[in-house]
Amino acid sequence: MARVKGAMMTRKRRNKTLKLAKGYFGAKSKHFKMAKQAVMKSGQYAYIGRKQRKRDFRRLWITRISAGCKLNGINYSQFMNGLKKAGIDLNRKMLSEIAINDPAGFTAIVEKAKAAL
């Protein structure tokens, strides 16, 4: 029986990596060895970035809520404590949307939080 050579699968694997490296600068998009390194590193950055995006959005929401609270004469930590005591279960994303799009509604929420303290 003839020996099977792996040329087709090797070419397929290399082309897959080169396709992922499309648009990279210089030899990183042309040479397999450099493309492989660049794709591996970009994959690591992408993985880390998916975790950082969650942190960044939480920081943004907290900043927006804090700005809304300052306009209503309360700080962020007291506001969140008041919400918890008042039994209002709104996440930070929704609170920041309310603070931006509906200031009157946010003021009503702040008043309930103040009353619960």
PDB file of N, CA and C in Angstrom:
ATOM      1  N   MET A   1       0.840  -1.184   0.000  1.00  0.00           N
ATOM      2  CA  MET A   1       0.000   0.000   0.000  1.00  0.00           C
ATOM      3  C   MET A   1       0.887   1.250   0.000  1.00  0.00           C
ATOM      4  N   ALA A   2       0.472   2.256  -0.747  1.00  0.00           N
ATOM      5  CA  ALA A   2       1.276   3.471  -0.875  1.00  0.00           C
ATOM      6  C   ALA A   2       1.216   4.305   0.395  1.00  0.00           C
ATOM      7  N   ARG A   3       2.316   4.973   0.655  1.00  0.00           N
ATOM      8  CA  ARG A   3       2.388   5.848   1.829  1.00  0.00           C
ATOM      9  C   ARG A   3       1.609   7.134   1.544  1.00  0.00           C
ATOM     10  N   VAL A   4       0.785   7.532   2.518  1.00  0.00           N
ATOM     11  CA  VAL A   4       0.000   8.755   2.357  1.00  0.00           C
ATOM     12  C   VAL A   4       0.832   9.935   2.843  1.00  0.00           C
ATOM     13  N   LYS A   5       0.941  10.928   1.997  1.00  0.00           N
ATOM     14  CA  LYS A   5       1.673  12.135   2.377  1.00  0.00           C
ATOM     15  C   LYS A   5       0.670  13.200   2.823  1.00  0.00           C
ATOM     16  N   GLY A   6       1.120  14.102   3.668  1.00  0.00           N
ATOM     17  CA  GLY A   6       0.188  15.068   4.275  1.00  0.00           C
ATOM     18  C   GLY A   6       0.159  16.417   3.595  1.00  0.00           C
ATOM     19  N   ALA A   7       0.516  16.478   2.335  1.00  0.00           N
ATOM     20  CA  ALA A   7       0.647  17.776   1.676  1.00  0.00           C
ATOM     21  C   ALA A   7      -0.664  18.549   1.641  1.00  0.00           C
ATOM     22  N   MET A   8      -1.744  17.888   1.347  1.00  0.00           N
ATOM     23  CA  MET A   8      -3.020  18.591   1.200  1.00  0.00           C
ATOM     24  C   MET A   8      -3.485  19.193   2.534  1.00  0.00           C
ATOM     25  N   MET A   9      -3.389  18.420   3.588  1.00  0.00           N
ATOM     26  CA  MET A   9      -3.844  18.911   4.884  1.00  0.00           C
ATOM     27  C   MET A   9      -2.907  19.991   5.436  1.00  0.00           C
ATOM     28  N   THR A  10      -1.621  19.838   5.156  1.00  0.00           N
ATOM     29  CA  THR A  10      -0.661  20.857   5.586  1.00  0.00           C
ATOM     30  C   THR A  10      -0.954  22.181   4.899  1.00  0.00           C
ATOM     31  N   ARG A  11      -1.179  22.131   3.599  1.00  0.00           N
ATOM     32  CA  ARG A  11      -1.499  23.345   2.823  1.00  0.00           C
ATOM     33  C   ARG A  11      -2.794  23.969   3.329  1.00  0.00           C
ATOM     34  N   LYS A  12      -3.780  23.117   3.641  1.00  0.00           N
ATOM     35  CA  LYS A  12      -5.081  23.599   4.128  1.00  0.00           C
ATOM     36  C   LYS A  12      -4.914  24.328   5.468  1.00  0.00           C
ATOM     37  N   ARG A  13      -4.126  23.721   6.353  1.00  0.00           N
ATOM     38  CA  ARG A  13      -3.887  24.315   7.674  1.00  0.00           C
ATOM     39  C   ARG A  13      -3.162  25.650   7.546  1.00  0.00           C
ATOM     40  N   ARG A  14      -2.158  25.687   6.687  1.00  0.00           N
ATOM     41  CA  ARG A  14      -1.391  26.923   6.499  1.00  0.00           C
ATOM     42  C   ARG A  14      -2.242  28.015   5.865  1.00  0.00           C
ATOM     43  N   ASN A  15      -3.057  27.637   4.910  1.00  0.00           N
ATOM     44  CA  ASN A  15      -3.920  28.629   4.264  1.00  0.00           C
ATOM     45  C   ASN A  15      -4.935  29.206   5.254  1.00  0.00           C
ATOM     46  N   LYS A  16      -5.393  28.366   6.188  1.00  0.00           N
ATOM     47  CA  LYS A  16      -6.335  28.832   7.208  1.00  0.00           C
ATOM     48  C   LYS A  16      -5.681  29.910   8.077  1.00  0.00           C
ATOM     49  N   THR A  17      -4.430  29.677   8.471  1.00  0.00           N
ATOM     50  CA  THR A  17      -3.696  30.660   9.273  1.00  0.00           C
ATOM     51  C   THR A  17      -3.428  31.926   8.471  1.00  0.00           C
ATOM     52  N   LEU A  18      -3.041  31.769   7.207  1.00  0.00           N
ATOM     53  CA  LEU A  18      -2.764  32.933   6.358  1.00  0.00           C
ATOM     54  C   LEU A  18      -4.030  33.753   6.113  1.00  0.00           C
ATOM     55  N   LYS A  19      -5.161  33.059   6.043  1.00  0.00           N
ATOM     56  CA  LYS A  19      -6.430  33.769   5.861  1.00  0.00           C
ATOM     57  C   LYS A  19      -6.757  34.610   7.096  1.00  0.00           C
ATOM     58  N   LEU A  20      -6.469  34.073   8.287  1.00  0.00           N
ATOM     59  CA  LEU A  20      -6.689  34.825   9.527  1.00  0.00           C
ATOM     60  C   LEU A  20      -5.754  36.028   9.627  1.00  0.00           C
ATOM     61  N   ALA A  21      -4.569  35.931   8.983  1.00  0.00           N
ATOM     62  CA  ALA A  21      -3.577  37.002   9.038  1.00  0.00           C
ATOM     63  C   ALA A  21      -3.751  38.014   7.912  1.00  0.00           C
ATOM     64  N   LYS A  22      -4.824  37.901   7.156  1.00  0.00           N
ATOM     65  CA  LYS A  22      -5.043  38.813   6.033  1.00  0.00           C
ATOM     66  C   LYS A  22      -5.161  40.250   6.551  1.00  0.00           C
ATOM     67  N   GLY A  23      -4.431  41.157   5.899  1.00  0.00           N
ATOM     68  CA  GLY A  23      -4.469  42.551   6.295  1.00  0.00           C
ATOM     69  C   GLY A  23      -3.381  42.948   7.266  1.00  0.00           C
ATOM     70  N   TYR A  24      -2.610  41.969   7.765  1.00  0.00           N
ATOM     71  CA  TYR A  24      -1.501  42.290   8.657  1.00  0.00           C
ATOM     72  C   TYR A  24      -0.372  42.924   7.847  1.00  0.00           C
ATOM     73  N   PHE A  25       0.478  43.699   8.503  1.00  0.00           N
ATOM     74  CA  PHE A  25       1.534  44.462   7.839  1.00  0.00           C
ATOM     75  C   PHE A  25       2.680  43.557   7.388  1.00  0.00           C
ATOM     76  N   GLY A  26       3.158  43.784   6.188  1.00  0.00           N
ATOM     77  CA  GLY A  26       4.371  43.154   5.682  1.00  0.00           C
ATOM     78  C   GLY A  26       4.300  41.642   5.606  1.00  0.00           C
ATOM     79  N   ALA A  27       5.390  41.001   6.052  1.00  0.00           N
ATOM     80  CA  ALA A  27       5.523  39.555   5.926  1.00  0.00           C
ATOM     81  C   ALA A  27       4.550  38.800   6.833  1.00  0.00           C
ATOM     82  N   LYS A  28       3.965  39.476   7.818  1.00  0.00           N
ATOM     83  CA  LYS A  28       3.036  38.807   8.737  1.00  0.00           C
ATOM     84  C   LYS A  28       1.800  38.266   8.015  1.00  0.00           C
ATOM     85  N   SER A  29       1.506  38.831   6.860  1.00  0.00           N
ATOM     86  CA  SER A  29       0.347  38.338   6.115  1.00  0.00           C
ATOM     87  C   SER A  29       0.745  37.416   4.971  1.00  0.00           C
ATOM     88  N   LYS A  30       2.075  37.243   4.734  1.00  0.00           N
ATOM     89  CA  LYS A  30       2.535  36.453   3.586  1.00  0.00           C
ATOM     90  C   LYS A  30       3.261  35.168   3.989  1.00  0.00           C
ATOM     91  N   HIS A  31       4.129  35.256   4.994  1.00  0.00           N
ATOM     92  CA  HIS A  31       4.940  34.112   5.398  1.00  0.00           C
ATOM     93  C   HIS A  31       4.254  33.356   6.526  1.00  0.00           C
ATOM     94  N   PHE A  32       4.163  32.044   6.363  1.00  0.00           N
ATOM     95  CA  PHE A  32       3.409  31.238   7.315  1.00  0.00           C
ATOM     96  C   PHE A  32       3.948  31.374   8.736  1.00  0.00           C
ATOM     97  N   LYS A  33       5.274  31.297   8.882  1.00  0.00           N
ATOM     98  CA  LYS A  33       5.865  31.312  10.223  1.00  0.00           C
ATOM     99  C   LYS A  33       5.520  32.608  10.968  1.00  0.00           C
ATOM    100  N   MET A  34       5.669  33.726  10.305  1.00  0.00           N
ATOM    101  CA  MET A  34       5.374  35.018  10.933  1.00  0.00           C
ATOM    102  C   MET A  34       3.871  35.208  11.111  1.00  0.00           C
ATOM    103  N   ALA A  35       3.103  34.720  10.154  1.00  0.00           N
ATOM    104  CA  ALA A  35       1.643  34.826  10.251  1.00  0.00           C
ATOM    105  C   ALA A  35       1.131  34.024  11.436  1.00  0.00           C
ATOM    106  N   LYS A  36       1.707  32.851  11.643  1.00  0.00           N
ATOM    107  CA  LYS A  36       1.290  31.988  12.755  1.00  0.00           C
ATOM    108  C   LYS A  36       1.523  32.692  14.090  1.00  0.00           C
ATOM    109  N   GLN A  37       2.689  33.317  14.244  1.00  0.00           N
ATOM    110  CA  GLN A  37       3.004  34.036  15.481  1.00  0.00           C
ATOM    111  C   GLN A  37       2.046  35.220  15.683  1.00  0.00           C
ATOM    112  N   ALA A  38       1.806  35.950  14.595  1.00  0.00           N
ATOM    113  CA  ALA A  38       0.930  37.124  14.687  1.00  0.00           C
ATOM    114  C   ALA A  38      -0.496  36.735  15.027  1.00  0.00           C
ATOM    115  N   VAL A  39      -0.982  35.640  14.435  1.00  0.00           N
ATOM    116  CA  VAL A  39      -2.350  35.169  14.693  1.00  0.00           C
ATOM    117  C   VAL A  39      -2.481  34.687  16.131  1.00  0.00           C
ATOM    118  N   MET A  40      -1.455  33.996  16.626  1.00  0.00           N
ATOM    119  CA  MET A  40      -1.492  33.515  18.017  1.00  0.00           C
ATOM    120  C   MET A  40      -1.557  34.707  18.982  1.00  0.00           C
ATOM    121  N   LYS A  41      -0.718  35.730  18.722  1.00  0.00           N
ATOM    122  CA  LYS A  41      -0.682  36.895  19.605  1.00  0.00           C
ATOM    123  C   LYS A  41      -1.988  37.682  19.521  1.00  0.00           C
ATOM    124  N   SER A  42      -2.525  37.828  18.314  1.00  0.00           N
ATOM    125  CA  SER A  42      -3.781  38.570  18.170  1.00  0.00           C
ATOM    126  C   SER A  42      -4.928  37.830  18.856  1.00  0.00           C
ATOM    127  N   GLY A  43      -4.852  36.509  18.853  1.00  0.00           N
ATOM    128  CA  GLY A  43      -5.857  35.717  19.569  1.00  0.00           C
ATOM    129  C   GLY A  43      -5.802  35.953  21.065  1.00  0.00           C
ATOM    130  N   GLN A  44      -4.597  36.099  21.578  1.00  0.00           N
ATOM    131  CA  GLN A  44      -4.442  36.390  23.008  1.00  0.00           C
ATOM    132  C   GLN A  44      -5.010  37.775  23.337  1.00  0.00           C
ATOM    133  N   TYR A  45      -4.697  38.744  22.476  1.00  0.00           N
ATOM    134  CA  TYR A  45      -5.224  40.089  22.692  1.00  0.00           C
ATOM    135  C   TYR A  45      -6.750  40.101  22.633  1.00  0.00           C
ATOM    136  N   ALA A  46      -7.304  39.340  21.701  1.00  0.00           N
ATOM    137  CA  ALA A  46      -8.763  39.292  21.554  1.00  0.00           C
ATOM    138  C   ALA A  46      -9.411  38.681  22.792  1.00  0.00           C
ATOM    139  N   TYR A  47      -8.794  37.627  23.332  1.00  0.00           N
ATOM    140  CA  TYR A  47      -9.311  36.968  24.529  1.00  0.00           C
ATOM    141  C   TYR A  47      -9.305  37.932  25.706  1.00  0.00           C
ATOM    142  N   ILE A  48      -8.174  38.624  25.890  1.00  0.00           N
ATOM    143  CA  ILE A  48      -8.057  39.597  26.983  1.00  0.00           C
ATOM    144  C   ILE A  48      -9.057  40.735  26.786  1.00  0.00           C
ATOM    145  N   GLY A  49      -9.202  41.166  25.525  1.00  0.00           N
ATOM    146  CA  GLY A  49     -10.106  42.271  25.210  1.00  0.00           C
ATOM    147  C   GLY A  49     -11.554  41.971  25.532  1.00  0.00           C
ATOM    148  N   ARG A  50     -11.952  40.711  25.357  1.00  0.00           N
ATOM    149  CA  ARG A  50     -13.342  40.340  25.681  1.00  0.00           C
ATOM    150  C   ARG A  50     -13.604  40.471  27.172  1.00  0.00           C
ATOM    151  N   LYS A  51     -12.592  40.225  27.991  1.00  0.00           N
ATOM    152  CA  LYS A  51     -12.744  40.401  29.443  1.00  0.00           C
ATOM    153  C   LYS A  51     -12.730  41.890  29.807  1.00  0.00           C
ATOM    154  N   GLN A  52     -11.836  42.647  29.153  1.00  0.00           N
ATOM    155  CA  GLN A  52     -11.698  44.067  29.466  1.00  0.00           C
ATOM    156  C   GLN A  52     -12.930  44.864  29.061  1.00  0.00           C
ATOM    157  N   ARG A  53     -13.598  44.433  27.986  1.00  0.00           N
ATOM    158  CA  ARG A  53     -14.790  45.151  27.520  1.00  0.00           C
ATOM    159  C   ARG A  53     -15.850  45.188  28.612  1.00  0.00           C
ATOM    160  N   LYS A  54     -16.012  44.075  29.334  1.00  0.00           N
ATOM    161  CA  LYS A  54     -17.002  44.008  30.408  1.00  0.00           C
ATOM    162  C   LYS A  54     -16.649  44.994  31.529  1.00  0.00           C
ATOM    163  N   ARG A  55     -15.349  45.063  31.864  1.00  0.00           N
ATOM    164  CA  ARG A  55     -14.905  46.012  32.895  1.00  0.00           C
ATOM    165  C   ARG A  55     -15.139  47.448  32.451  1.00  0.00           C
ATOM    166  N   ASP A  56     -14.782  47.717  31.195  1.00  0.00           N
ATOM    167  CA  ASP A  56     -14.895  49.087  30.677  1.00  0.00           C
ATOM    168  C   ASP A  56     -16.337  49.576  30.681  1.00  0.00           C
ATOM    169  N   PHE A  57     -17.262  48.697  30.268  1.00  0.00           N
ATOM    170  CA  PHE A  57     -18.663  49.105  30.256  1.00  0.00           C
ATOM    171  C   PHE A  57     -19.182  49.330  31.669  1.00  0.00           C
ATOM    172  N   ARG A  58     -18.782  48.479  32.617  1.00  0.00           N
ATOM    173  CA  ARG A  58     -19.220  48.674  34.004  1.00  0.00           C
ATOM    174  C   ARG A  58     -18.723  50.019  34.532  1.00  0.00           C
ATOM    175  N   ARG A  59     -17.447  50.364  34.237  1.00  0.00           N
ATOM    176  CA  ARG A  59     -16.896  51.655  34.653  1.00  0.00           C
ATOM    177  C   ARG A  59     -17.675  52.808  34.037  1.00  0.00           C
ATOM    178  N   LEU A  60     -18.042  52.674  32.772  1.00  0.00           N
ATOM    179  CA  LEU A  60     -18.809  53.717  32.082  1.00  0.00           C
ATOM    180  C   LEU A  60     -20.170  53.909  32.738  1.00  0.00           C
ATOM    181  N   TRP A  61     -20.852  52.787  33.023  1.00  0.00           N
ATOM    182  CA  TRP A  61     -22.176  52.879  33.647  1.00  0.00           C
ATOM    183  C   TRP A  61     -22.087  53.543  35.015  1.00  0.00           C
ATOM    184  N   ILE A  62     -21.087  53.153  35.792  1.00  0.00           N
ATOM    185  CA  ILE A  62     -20.928  53.729  37.134  1.00  0.00           C
ATOM    186  C   ILE A  62     -20.659  55.226  37.048  1.00  0.00           C
ATOM    187  N   THR A  63     -19.835  55.642  36.083  1.00  0.00           N
ATOM    188  CA  THR A  63     -19.541  57.064  35.898  1.00  0.00           C
ATOM    189  C   THR A  63     -20.801  57.839  35.550  1.00  0.00           C
ATOM    190  N   ARG A  64     -21.627  57.276  34.675  1.00  0.00           N
ATOM    191  CA  ARG A  64     -22.874  57.945  34.285  1.00  0.00           C
ATOM    192  C   ARG A  64     -23.843  58.049  35.455  1.00  0.00           C
ATOM    193  N   ILE A  65     -23.975  56.965  36.217  1.00  0.00           N
ATOM    194  CA  ILE A  65     -24.870  56.979  37.382  1.00  0.00           C
ATOM    195  C   ILE A  65     -24.371  57.996  38.404  1.00  0.00           C
ATOM    196  N   SER A  66     -23.075  58.012  38.628  1.00  0.00           N
ATOM    197  CA  SER A  66     -22.475  58.945  39.583  1.00  0.00           C
ATOM    198  C   SER A  66     -22.744  60.392  39.186  1.00  0.00           C
ATOM    199  N   ALA A  67     -22.632  60.690  37.887  1.00  0.00           N
ATOM    200  CA  ALA A  67     -22.911  62.046  37.408  1.00  0.00           C
ATOM    201  C   ALA A  67     -24.374  62.419  37.645  1.00  0.00           C
ATOM    202  N   GLY A  68     -25.273  61.466  37.407  1.00  0.00           N
ATOM    203  CA  GLY A  68     -26.696  61.703  37.652  1.00  0.00           C
ATOM    204  C   GLY A  68     -26.996  61.906  39.121  1.00  0.00           C
ATOM    205  N   CYS A  69     -26.289  61.157  39.973  1.00  0.00           N
ATOM    206  CA  CYS A  69     -26.489  61.284  41.417  1.00  0.00           C
ATOM    207  C   CYS A  69     -26.034  62.653  41.924  1.00  0.00           C
ATOM    208  N   LYS A  70     -24.896  63.118  41.415  1.00  0.00           N
ATOM    209  CA  LYS A  70     -24.376  64.419  41.854  1.00  0.00           C
ATOM    210  C   LYS A  70     -25.349  65.545  41.531  1.00  0.00           C
ATOM    211  N   LEU A  71     -26.047  65.435  40.402  1.00  0.00           N
ATOM    212  CA  LEU A  71     -27.045  66.439  40.050  1.00  0.00           C
ATOM    213  C   LEU A  71     -28.220  66.435  41.027  1.00  0.00           C
ATOM    214  N   ASN A  72     -28.424  65.292  41.684  1.00  0.00           N
ATOM    215  CA  ASN A  72     -29.537  65.170  42.625  1.00  0.00           C
ATOM    216  C   ASN A  72     -29.091  65.222  44.085  1.00  0.00           C
ATOM    217  N   GLY A  73     -27.847  65.598  44.302  1.00  0.00           N
ATOM    218  CA  GLY A  73     -27.379  65.842  45.669  1.00  0.00           C
ATOM    219  C   GLY A  73     -27.114  64.602  46.502  1.00  0.00           C
ATOM    220  N   ILE A  74     -26.626  63.555  45.901  1.00  0.00           N
ATOM    221  CA  ILE A  74     -26.274  62.331  46.628  1.00  0.00           C
ATOM    222  C   ILE A  74     -25.076  61.719  45.925  1.00  0.00           C
ATOM    223  N   ASN A  75     -24.241  61.002  46.682  1.00  0.00           N
ATOM    224  CA  ASN A  75     -23.118  60.367  45.998  1.00  0.00           C
ATOM    225  C   ASN A  75     -23.484  58.933  45.582  1.00  0.00           C
ATOM    226  N   TYR A  76     -22.640  58.340  44.767  1.00  0.00           N
ATOM    227  CA  TYR A  76     -22.944  57.041  44.149  1.00  0.00           C
ATOM    228  C   TYR A  76     -23.138  55.939  45.182  1.00  0.00           C
ATOM    229  N   SER A  77     -22.225  55.858  46.137  1.00  0.00           N
ATOM    230  CA  SER A  77     -22.291  54.752  47.096  1.00  0.00           C
ATOM    231  C   SER A  77     -23.543  54.838  47.972  1.00  0.00           C
ATOM    232  N   GLN A  78     -23.907  56.042  48.392  1.00  0.00           N
ATOM    233  CA  GLN A  78     -25.133  56.202  49.185  1.00  0.00           C
ATOM    234  C   GLN A  78     -26.363  55.861  48.347  1.00  0.00           C
ATOM    235  N   PHE A  79     -26.325  56.256  47.076  1.00  0.00           N
ATOM    236  CA  PHE A  79     -27.437  55.960  46.171  1.00  0.00           C
ATOM    237  C   PHE A  79     -27.631  54.455  46.018  1.00  0.00           C
ATOM    238  N   MET A  80     -26.531  53.733  45.794  1.00  0.00           N
ATOM    239  CA  MET A  80     -26.628  52.279  45.616  1.00  0.00           C
ATOM    240  C   MET A  80     -27.088  51.596  46.910  1.00  0.00           C
ATOM    241  N   ASN A  81     -26.619  52.114  48.044  1.00  0.00           N
ATOM    242  CA  ASN A  81     -27.052  51.584  49.334  1.00  0.00           C
ATOM    243  C   ASN A  81     -28.549  51.835  49.534  1.00  0.00           C
ATOM    244  N   GLY A  82     -28.999  53.033  49.170  1.00  0.00           N
ATOM    245  CA  GLY A  82     -30.421  53.359  49.283  1.00  0.00           C
ATOM    246  C   GLY A  82     -31.288  52.497  48.379  1.00  0.00           C
ATOM    247  N   LEU A  83     -30.803  52.217  47.169  1.00  0.00           N
ATOM    248  CA  LEU A  83     -31.546  51.336  46.252  1.00  0.00           C
ATOM    249  C   LEU A  83     -31.711  49.939  46.851  1.00  0.00           C
ATOM    250  N   LYS A  84     -30.633  49.449  47.433  1.00  0.00           N
ATOM    251  CA  LYS A  84     -30.675  48.108  48.019  1.00  0.00           C
ATOM    252  C   LYS A  84     -31.672  48.058  49.173  1.00  0.00           C
ATOM    253  N   LYS A  85     -31.647  49.107  50.027  1.00  0.00           N
ATOM    254  CA  LYS A  85     -32.566  49.158  51.169  1.00  0.00           C
ATOM    255  C   LYS A  85     -34.013  49.364  50.731  1.00  0.00           C
ATOM    256  N   ALA A  86     -34.198  50.080  49.622  1.00  0.00           N
ATOM    257  CA  ALA A  86     -35.554  50.318  49.108  1.00  0.00           C
ATOM    258  C   ALA A  86     -36.092  49.103  48.356  1.00  0.00           C
ATOM    259  N   GLY A  87     -35.225  48.139  48.079  1.00  0.00           N
ATOM    260  CA  GLY A  87     -35.663  46.929  47.370  1.00  0.00           C
ATOM    261  C   GLY A  87     -35.826  47.143  45.870  1.00  0.00           C
ATOM    262  N   ILE A  88     -35.118  48.123  45.335  1.00  0.00           N
ATOM    263  CA  ILE A  88     -35.185  48.387  43.892  1.00  0.00           C
ATOM    264  C   ILE A  88     -34.062  47.616  43.213  1.00  0.00           C
ATOM    265  N   ASP A  89     -34.432  46.645  42.383  1.00  0.00           N
ATOM    266  CA  ASP A  89     -33.434  45.813  41.707  1.00  0.00           C
ATOM    267  C   ASP A  89     -33.290  46.233  40.254  1.00  0.00           C
ATOM    268  N   LEU A  90     -32.487  47.262  40.038  1.00  0.00           N
ATOM    269  CA  LEU A  90     -32.150  47.697  38.675  1.00  0.00           C
ATOM    270  C   LEU A  90     -30.646  47.563  38.514  1.00  0.00           C
ATOM    271  N   ASN A  91     -30.223  46.978  37.397  1.00  0.00           N
ATOM    272  CA  ASN A  91     -28.781  46.851  37.192  1.00  0.00           C
ATOM    273  C   ASN A  91     -28.183  48.183  36.744  1.00  0.00           C
ATOM    274  N   ARG A  92     -26.867  48.255  36.766  1.00  0.00           N
ATOM    275  CA  ARG A  92     -26.170  49.502  36.473  1.00  0.00           C
ATOM    276  C   ARG A  92     -26.384  49.964  35.037  1.00  0.00           C
ATOM    277  N   LYS A  93     -26.504  49.015  34.131  1.00  0.00           N
ATOM    278  CA  LYS A  93     -26.726  49.367  32.725  1.00  0.00           C
ATOM    279  C   LYS A  93     -28.047  50.118  32.569  1.00  0.00           C
ATOM    280  N   MET A  94     -29.093  49.588  33.173  1.00  0.00           N
ATOM    281  CA  MET A  94     -30.411  50.230  33.073  1.00  0.00           C
ATOM    282  C   MET A  94     -30.434  51.569  33.807  1.00  0.00           C
ATOM    283  N   LEU A  95     -29.792  51.631  34.969  1.00  0.00           N
ATOM    284  CA  LEU A  95     -29.739  52.891  35.717  1.00  0.00           C
ATOM    285  C   LEU A  95     -29.032  53.978  34.914  1.00  0.00           C
ATOM    286  N   SER A  96     -27.949  53.612  34.214  1.00  0.00           N
ATOM    287  CA  SER A  96     -27.231  54.613  33.421  1.00  0.00           C
ATOM    288  C   SER A  96     -28.066  55.076  32.236  1.00  0.00           C
ATOM    289  N   GLU A  97     -28.819  54.161  31.626  1.00  0.00           N
ATOM    290  CA  GLU A  97     -29.706  54.537  30.514  1.00  0.00           C
ATOM    291  C   GLU A  97     -30.799  55.492  30.996  1.00  0.00           C
ATOM    292  N   ILE A  98     -31.356  55.202  32.175  1.00  0.00           N
ATOM    293  CA  ILE A  98     -32.394  56.069  32.743  1.00  0.00           C
ATOM    294  C   ILE A  98     -31.802  57.449  33.069  1.00  0.00           C
ATOM    295  N   ALA A  99     -30.582  57.456  33.628  1.00  0.00           N
ATOM    296  CA  ALA A  99     -29.934  58.725  33.995  1.00  0.00           C
ATOM    297  C   ALA A  99     -29.708  59.611  32.771  1.00  0.00           C
ATOM    298  N   ILE A 100     -29.411  59.005  31.627  1.00  0.00           N
ATOM    299  CA  ILE A 100     -29.152  59.775  30.410  1.00  0.00           C
ATOM    300  C   ILE A 100     -30.454  60.187  29.725  1.00  0.00           C
ATOM    301  N   ASN A 101     -31.350  59.226  29.502  1.00  0.00           N
ATOM    302  CA  ASN A 101     -32.527  59.449  28.658  1.00  0.00           C
ATOM    303  C   ASN A 101     -33.751  59.984  29.392  1.00  0.00           C
ATOM    304  N   ASP A 102     -33.813  59.748  30.705  1.00  0.00           N
ATOM    305  CA  ASP A 102     -35.001  60.164  31.460  1.00  0.00           C
ATOM    306  C   ASP A 102     -34.586  60.757  32.808  1.00  0.00           C
ATOM    307  N   PRO A 103     -34.073  61.988  32.808  1.00  0.00           N
ATOM    308  CA  PRO A 103     -33.608  62.587  34.073  1.00  0.00           C
ATOM    309  C   PRO A 103     -34.694  62.702  35.138  1.00  0.00           C
ATOM    310  N   ALA A 104     -35.933  62.953  34.722  1.00  0.00           N
ATOM    311  CA  ALA A 104     -37.025  63.060  35.697  1.00  0.00           C
ATOM    312  C   ALA A 104     -37.271  61.710  36.377  1.00  0.00           C
ATOM    313  N   GLY A 105     -37.236  60.644  35.596  1.00  0.00           N
ATOM    314  CA  GLY A 105     -37.408  59.303  36.156  1.00  0.00           C
ATOM    315  C   GLY A 105     -36.267  58.934  37.090  1.00  0.00           C
ATOM    316  N   PHE A 106     -35.052  59.333  36.710  1.00  0.00           N
ATOM    317  CA  PHE A 106     -33.891  59.055  37.561  1.00  0.00           C
ATOM    318  C   PHE A 106     -34.000  59.817  38.874  1.00  0.00           C
ATOM    319  N   THR A 107     -34.499  61.052  38.806  1.00  0.00           N
ATOM    320  CA  THR A 107     -34.691  61.851  40.025  1.00  0.00           C
ATOM    321  C   THR A 107     -35.684  61.164  40.958  1.00  0.00           C
ATOM    322  N   ALA A 108     -36.742  60.586  40.399  1.00  0.00           N
ATOM    323  CA  ALA A 108     -37.729  59.861  41.210  1.00  0.00           C
ATOM    324  C   ALA A 108     -37.090  58.653  41.901  1.00  0.00           C
ATOM    325  N   ILE A 109     -36.228  57.946  41.165  1.00  0.00           N
ATOM    326  CA  ILE A 109     -35.530  56.789  41.753  1.00  0.00           C
ATOM    327  C   ILE A 109     -34.609  57.251  42.880  1.00  0.00           C
ATOM    328  N   VAL A 110     -33.910  58.374  42.654  1.00  0.00           N
ATOM    329  CA  VAL A 110     -32.996  58.913  43.679  1.00  0.00           C
ATOM    330  C   VAL A 110     -33.794  59.295  44.934  1.00  0.00           C
ATOM    331  N   GLU A 111     -34.954  59.885  44.764  1.00  0.00           N
ATOM    332  CA  GLU A 111     -35.782  60.265  45.919  1.00  0.00           C
ATOM    333  C   GLU A 111     -36.209  59.035  46.719  1.00  0.00           C
ATOM    334  N   LYS A 112     -36.559  57.963  46.019  1.00  0.00           N
ATOM    335  CA  LYS A 112     -36.915  56.714  46.735  1.00  0.00           C
ATOM    336  C   LYS A 112     -35.715  56.156  47.491  1.00  0.00           C
ATOM    337  N   ALA A 113     -34.537  56.242  46.858  1.00  0.00           N
ATOM    338  CA  ALA A 113     -33.307  55.742  47.509  1.00  0.00           C
ATOM    339  C   ALA A 113     -32.985  56.599  48.746  1.00  0.00           C
ATOM    340  N   LYS A 114     -33.160  57.917  48.639  1.00  0.00           N
ATOM    341  CA  LYS A 114     -32.909  58.806  49.773  1.00  0.00           C
ATOM    342  C   LYS A 114     -33.865  58.520  50.927  1.00  0.00           C
ATOM    343  N   ALA A 115     -35.125  58.244  50.564  1.00  0.00           N
ATOM    344  CA  ALA A 115     -36.136  57.969  51.596  1.00  0.00           C
ATOM    345  C   ALA A 115     -35.831  56.667  52.337  1.00  0.00           C
ATOM    346  N   ALA A 116     -35.212  55.714  51.665  1.00  0.00           N
ATOM    347  CA  ALA A 116     -34.917  54.426  52.276  1.00  0.00           C
ATOM    348  C   ALA A 116     -33.717  54.482  53.210  1.00  0.00           C
ATOM    349  N   LEU A 117     -32.894  55.517  53.084  1.00  0.00           N
ATOM    350  CA  LEU A 117     -31.692  55.618  53.944  1.00  0.00           C
ATOM    351  C   LEU A 117     -32.052  56.014  55.360  1.00  0.00           C
TER     352      LEU A 117
END
